[in-house]
Protein backbone atom coordinates (compact mmCIF):
# COMPACT_ATOMS: atom_id res chain seq x y z
CA MET A 1 0.15 0.03 -0.38
CA THR A 2 1.66 3.43 -1.13
CA ALA A 3 1.37 6.38 0.85
CA SER A 4 0.23 9.24 -0.56
CA ALA A 5 1.44 12.13 -2.91
CA LYS A 6 0.18 14.31 -0.86
CA VAL A 7 1.98 15.52 2.70
CA TRP A 8 1.14 17.70 5.19
CA PHE A 9 4.49 19.06 6.05
CA ASN A 10 5.51 21.69 8.71
CA GLY A 11 2.43 23.68 8.37
CA ALA A 12 1.33 22.80 4.62
CA LEU A 13 0.37 20.22 1.86
CA LYS A 14 3.56 19.22 -0.09
CA ASP A 15 4.63 16.45 -2.39
CA ARG A 16 5.53 13.71 -0.34
CA GLY A 17 9.37 13.70 -1.13
CA SER A 18 10.14 17.07 0.24
CA ALA A 19 9.51 15.74 3.80
CA ASP A 20 12.28 13.20 3.57
CA PRO A 21 14.89 13.17 6.04
CA SER A 22 18.38 13.57 5.36
CA VAL A 23 20.39 10.28 4.84
CA ALA A 24 22.62 11.22 8.42
CA SER A 25 19.14 12.02 10.14
CA ASN A 26 19.86 10.13 13.46
CA THR A 27 15.88 9.57 12.44
CA LEU A 28 17.19 7.38 10.33
CA HIS A 29 20.44 5.11 12.36
CA LEU A 30 18.87 5.43 15.99
CA GLY A 31 15.24 4.92 15.43
CA ILE A 32 14.83 8.37 16.67
CA ALA A 33 11.35 9.44 15.96
CA VAL A 34 8.16 9.70 17.76
CA PHE A 35 4.49 8.12 15.23
CA ASP A 36 0.68 7.83 15.69
CA GLY A 37 -1.97 6.64 13.77
CA LEU A 38 -5.86 7.09 13.64
CA MET A 39 -8.40 5.82 11.05
CA ALA A 40 -10.42 7.95 8.77
CA TYR A 41 -13.27 6.17 7.71
CA ARG A 42 -15.02 7.08 4.91
CA ASN A 43 -19.06 7.06 5.55
CA GLY A 44 -21.52 8.14 2.41
CA PRO A 45 -19.88 11.80 1.34
CA SER A 46 -18.14 12.74 4.50
CA TRP A 47 -15.32 11.58 6.92
CA TYR A 48 -15.50 10.01 10.19
CA LEU A 49 -11.95 10.33 11.84
CA HIS A 50 -12.29 7.97 14.94
CA ARG A 51 -10.77 9.02 18.58
CA GLY A 52 -8.21 11.90 15.93
CA LEU A 53 -7.61 14.07 18.46
CA GLU A 54 -7.16 11.70 21.66
CA HIS A 55 -4.45 9.74 18.82
CA LEU A 56 -3.33 13.49 17.76
CA HIS A 57 -2.47 13.86 22.26
CA ARG A 58 -1.15 10.97 22.90
CA PHE A 59 1.61 12.19 19.33
CA VAL A 60 2.51 15.14 21.03
CA THR A 61 2.74 13.90 24.24
CA GLY A 62 4.97 11.31 22.88
CA ALA A 63 7.05 13.59 20.56
CA GLY A 64 7.86 15.98 23.63
CA ARG A 65 9.47 12.89 25.60
CA MET A 66 11.55 12.93 22.83
CA GLU A 67 12.83 16.25 22.48
CA LEU A 68 10.78 16.36 19.31
CA ALA A 69 8.13 18.65 20.68
CA PRO A 70 5.93 19.90 17.59
CA ARG A 71 5.29 23.61 17.36
CA TRP A 72 1.80 22.35 16.66
CA SER A 73 -0.77 21.92 19.13
CA ALA A 74 -3.02 18.41 18.55
CA GLU A 75 -6.32 20.44 17.49
CA ALA A 76 -3.86 22.16 14.98
CA LEU A 77 -2.43 18.97 13.37
CA LEU A 78 -6.13 17.56 13.37
CA ASP A 79 -6.70 21.08 11.18
CA GLY A 80 -3.70 19.22 9.37
CA VAL A 81 -5.39 15.93 9.40
CA ARG A 82 -8.82 17.50 7.80
CA GLU A 83 -6.82 19.63 5.03
CA LEU A 84 -5.02 16.41 4.06
CA LEU A 85 -7.89 14.59 3.36
CA GLU A 86 -9.39 17.19 0.69
CA THR A 87 -6.62 15.73 -1.54
CA LEU A 88 -7.69 11.93 -1.30
CA PRO A 89 -9.93 9.80 -2.86
CA PRO A 90 -13.09 9.19 -1.20
CA ARG A 91 -12.05 6.26 0.68
CA THR A 92 -10.84 4.74 4.46
CA HIS A 93 -7.25 6.08 4.98
CA TYR A 94 -4.78 4.98 7.99
CA ILE A 95 -2.92 8.32 9.14
CA ARG A 96 0.12 8.77 10.16
CA PRO A 97 1.35 11.70 12.16
CA ILE A 98 5.33 11.53 12.57
CA ALA A 99 7.94 13.48 14.48
CA TYR A 100 11.34 13.39 13.18
CA ARG A 101 14.29 15.30 12.50
CA THR A 102 15.02 16.00 8.69
CA GLY A 103 18.70 17.32 8.98
CA PRO A 104 22.00 15.39 8.83
CA GLU A 105 22.53 15.34 12.57
CA VAL A 106 23.24 11.69 12.77
CA PHE A 107 24.77 11.45 16.50
CA PHE A 108 23.00 12.22 19.64
CA ASP A 109 24.35 15.75 20.28
CA VAL A 110 22.19 18.33 17.64
CA VAL A 111 23.48 21.35 16.59
CA GLU A 112 20.65 22.25 14.58
CA ASP A 113 17.22 21.08 15.20
CA THR A 114 15.83 20.34 12.33
CA SER A 115 12.53 18.61 14.25
CA SER A 116 9.49 18.22 11.79
CA VAL A 117 6.41 16.83 12.04
CA CYS A 118 4.38 15.14 8.53
CA ILE A 119 1.37 13.91 8.05
CA PHE A 120 0.72 11.19 5.23
CA ALA A 121 -2.24 8.61 4.49
CA VAL A 122 -2.85 5.44 3.06
CA PRO A 123 -5.49 3.00 1.53
CA VAL A 124 -6.76 0.33 3.62
CA PRO A 125 -9.45 -1.79 3.79
CA ARG A 126 -12.12 -1.73 6.91
CA ASP A 127 -14.46 -4.49 8.48
CA GLU A 128 -11.94 -7.42 7.65
CA GLU A 129 -13.13 -10.75 8.77
CA LYS A 130 -10.66 -13.16 7.93
CA PRO A 131 -9.36 -14.40 11.47
CA TYR A 132 -5.89 -14.66 12.51
CA ALA A 133 -3.78 -17.55 13.62
CA CYS A 134 -1.00 -16.27 15.96
CA GLN A 135 1.85 -17.91 17.81
CA ILE A 136 3.81 -16.89 20.98
CA SER A 137 6.65 -14.83 19.91
CA GLU A 138 10.16 -16.19 20.74
CA VAL A 139 10.22 -12.14 20.77
CA GLN A 140 9.98 -10.41 24.40
CA ARG A 141 8.53 -7.44 24.64
CA VAL A 142 10.76 -4.23 25.51
CA PRO A 143 10.48 -3.68 28.78
CA TYR A 144 9.47 -0.33 29.78
CA ARG A 145 12.98 0.77 31.30
CA SER A 146 14.30 0.69 28.25
CA ILE A 147 11.67 2.25 25.97
CA PRO A 148 8.29 3.55 27.52
CA ALA A 149 5.64 1.47 25.70
CA SER A 150 3.21 4.93 25.43
CA TRP A 151 5.91 6.79 23.36
CA LYS A 152 5.76 5.14 20.38
CA VAL A 153 9.21 5.74 19.81
CA SER A 154 9.79 4.28 16.02
CA GLY A 155 13.05 2.68 17.24
CA ALA A 156 11.14 0.47 19.43
CA TYR A 157 8.97 -0.99 16.96
CA ALA A 158 12.27 -2.92 14.80
CA ASN A 159 10.94 -5.46 18.60
CA SER A 160 7.70 -5.83 16.89
CA PHE A 161 8.69 -5.83 13.11
CA LEU A 162 10.64 -8.95 14.49
CA ALA A 163 7.60 -10.47 16.52
CA GLU A 164 5.69 -10.35 12.95
CA ARG A 165 8.48 -11.78 10.44
CA ARG A 166 8.72 -14.85 12.19
CA ALA A 167 5.36 -15.37 12.68
CA ARG A 168 4.71 -15.26 9.50
CA ALA A 169 7.82 -17.20 8.57
CA ALA A 170 6.66 -20.11 10.75
CA GLY A 171 3.06 -19.84 8.95
CA TYR A 172 1.56 -17.60 11.54
CA ASP A 173 -0.14 -14.08 10.44
CA ASP A 174 1.56 -12.77 13.70
CA GLY A 175 3.40 -13.27 17.16
CA ILE A 176 2.40 -12.37 20.66
CA MET A 177 5.29 -11.58 22.75
CA LEU A 178 5.60 -11.93 26.63
CA ASP A 179 6.90 -9.22 28.80
CA ALA A 180 10.16 -10.28 31.49
CA ALA A 181 8.30 -12.22 33.86
CA GLY A 182 6.37 -14.77 31.08
CA ARG A 183 2.89 -12.84 31.39
CA LEU A 184 1.00 -12.48 27.44
CA ALA A 185 1.87 -8.53 26.63
CA GLU A 186 0.61 -7.54 23.01
CA ALA A 187 0.96 -9.15 19.41
CA SER A 188 2.59 -7.17 17.49
CA THR A 189 1.37 -4.29 17.02
CA SER A 190 -2.23 -4.83 18.50
CA ASN A 191 -3.70 -5.71 22.30
CA LEU A 192 -4.85 -8.75 22.91
CA PHE A 193 -8.41 -9.93 23.96
CA PHE A 194 -9.83 -13.60 25.12
CA VAL A 195 -13.89 -14.81 26.16
CA GLU A 196 -14.15 -16.79 29.38
CA ASP A 197 -17.57 -17.69 30.63
CA GLY A 198 -19.34 -14.60 28.69
CA ALA A 199 -16.75 -12.64 30.05
CA LEU A 200 -14.29 -10.55 28.12
CA ILE A 201 -10.34 -11.12 30.09
CA THR A 202 -7.40 -8.74 28.66
CA PRO A 203 -3.38 -8.57 30.08
CA ARG A 204 -3.63 -5.96 33.23
CA LEU A 205 -2.25 -2.75 32.20
CA THR A 206 1.78 -2.78 33.33
CA PRO A 207 4.19 -0.10 31.84
CA ASP A 208 5.20 -3.18 29.58
CA ILE A 209 2.14 -3.01 27.15
CA PHE A 210 0.87 -0.05 25.25
CA PRO A 211 -2.42 1.34 26.72
CA GLY A 212 -4.38 1.49 23.11
CA ILE A 213 -6.94 3.49 22.40
CA THR A 214 -8.93 0.99 20.45
CA ARG A 215 -8.44 -1.44 23.70
CA ARG A 216 -10.00 1.13 25.79
CA VAL A 217 -12.73 1.85 23.24
CA VAL A 218 -13.50 -1.99 23.65
CA LEU A 219 -13.65 -1.93 27.30
CA GLU A 220 -16.21 1.06 26.93
CA LEU A 221 -18.37 -0.66 24.15
CA ALA A 222 -18.52 -3.95 26.63
CA ALA A 223 -19.73 -2.40 29.83
CA SER A 224 -22.16 -0.64 27.19
CA LEU A 225 -23.29 -4.04 26.71
CA GLY A 226 -23.25 -5.60 29.29
CA ILE A 227 -20.28 -7.26 28.87
CA PRO A 228 -18.28 -8.34 32.69
CA VAL A 229 -14.75 -7.25 31.80
CA LYS A 230 -11.84 -8.77 33.74
CA GLU A 231 -7.93 -7.06 33.49
CA THR A 232 -5.04 -9.70 35.36
CA ASP A 233 -2.04 -11.42 34.45
CA ILE A 234 -2.45 -14.24 31.77
CA ARG A 235 0.28 -16.90 30.70
CA PRO A 236 0.49 -19.24 28.35
CA ARG A 237 -0.68 -21.84 30.38
CA ASP A 238 -3.92 -20.33 30.84
CA LEU A 239 -4.77 -20.10 26.99
CA PRO A 240 -6.56 -23.38 27.14
CA SER A 241 -9.62 -22.05 30.02
CA PHE A 242 -10.41 -19.53 26.39
CA GLU A 243 -13.18 -19.72 24.57
CA ALA A 244 -11.70 -17.32 22.23
CA ALA A 245 -9.89 -14.36 21.49
CA PHE A 246 -9.35 -11.73 19.25
CA LEU A 247 -6.73 -8.49 18.27
CA CYS A 248 -7.70 -4.51 18.45
CA GLY A 249 -5.56 -2.31 17.28
CA THR A 250 -5.91 0.98 15.55
CA LEU A 251 -5.50 -0.66 12.17
CA SER A 252 -6.31 -3.79 12.57
CA GLU A 253 -9.73 -2.77 14.22
CA LEU A 254 -10.94 -5.42 15.78
CA ARG A 255 -9.79 -9.14 14.09
CA PRO A 256 -10.72 -12.81 15.86
CA VAL A 257 -7.44 -15.40 16.41
CA ASP A 258 -8.59 -18.57 15.63
CA ARG A 259 -5.46 -20.36 16.28
CA ILE A 260 -2.59 -19.78 18.81
CA ASP A 261 0.07 -22.38 18.49
CA GLY A 262 -1.98 -25.97 19.04
CA LEU A 263 -4.99 -24.48 20.05
CA ALA A 264 -8.36 -23.84 18.20
CA LEU A 265 -10.66 -21.16 19.11
CA ARG A 266 -14.12 -20.50 17.74
CA SER A 267 -13.72 -16.65 17.82
CA SER A 268 -14.85 -15.58 15.05
CA THR A 269 -18.46 -17.20 15.38
CA HIS A 270 -18.45 -16.47 19.53
CA PRO A 271 -21.67 -14.42 20.45
CA VAL A 272 -19.43 -12.18 22.51
CA TYR A 273 -17.00 -11.53 20.33
CA ARG A 274 -19.43 -10.61 17.20
CA ALA A 275 -21.41 -8.41 20.07
CA VAL A 276 -18.71 -6.36 20.50
CA VAL A 277 -17.02 -6.03 16.55
CA GLY A 278 -20.32 -5.28 15.60
CA ALA A 279 -20.95 -2.30 18.28
CA PHE A 280 -17.64 -1.21 17.17
CA ARG A 281 -18.27 -1.34 13.54
CA GLU A 282 -21.76 0.92 13.89
CA LEU A 283 -19.19 2.93 16.07
CA THR A 284 -16.98 3.64 12.59
CA HIS A 285 -20.17 3.70 10.29
CA GLN A 286 -21.16 6.80 12.04
């Protein structure tokens, strides 16, 4: 999937190539960048930016913590997203804001700060039904004392890349990473939910687990549907007690998991999953 030809770059629409970083940028060499992602759903004649301001507030906060503080507020960046949408074909897009350095400052110390913000778009499908098969990954989740999960630092996602690529090489769709204590943390780019006795079970939020906005939406939907939720530590040995599982994230939305290693699950048709995904799609189709 190709990124949009036009981008919002430092306050104005530009051709995508004009936003490229230097080959000597420490963003390229050291992964010193912060990104986020939000969905621009096309519903009939209009766009629906799902939790757009929440995503952009998180982006501004994380970028500031990595000394890449944007010169624009989350509200101004949301205006930039809307400006970019006017250049796009009328279909659903994934919107990616990123804060990074464009100049040839390869080392830690920066003489001239060239921190920039770029927002681009990628056309994506929505409401995917194909279930995932996941493996328990040998790739461990990056501990928060190394890189905080909530900042969305680009360099940390080499970890997620390895988890997914190793899973795909083994015939799976994604890898589920464990934390240093051997507890289930998350998939490569998605939070995890399970179903047991009519309730949703999800890993307890620790500093090693990304506090996803879609995760929070699922919790809100479960409350509105009267579905009990339990947040707790989950270990691989607990998996056989679950009836269903699904991933959730901005780009993945809600995706059923019908297999984890050798364990078969009836996630795609499970009534609890169908109720939650139905409520989610009602929300995103407004």
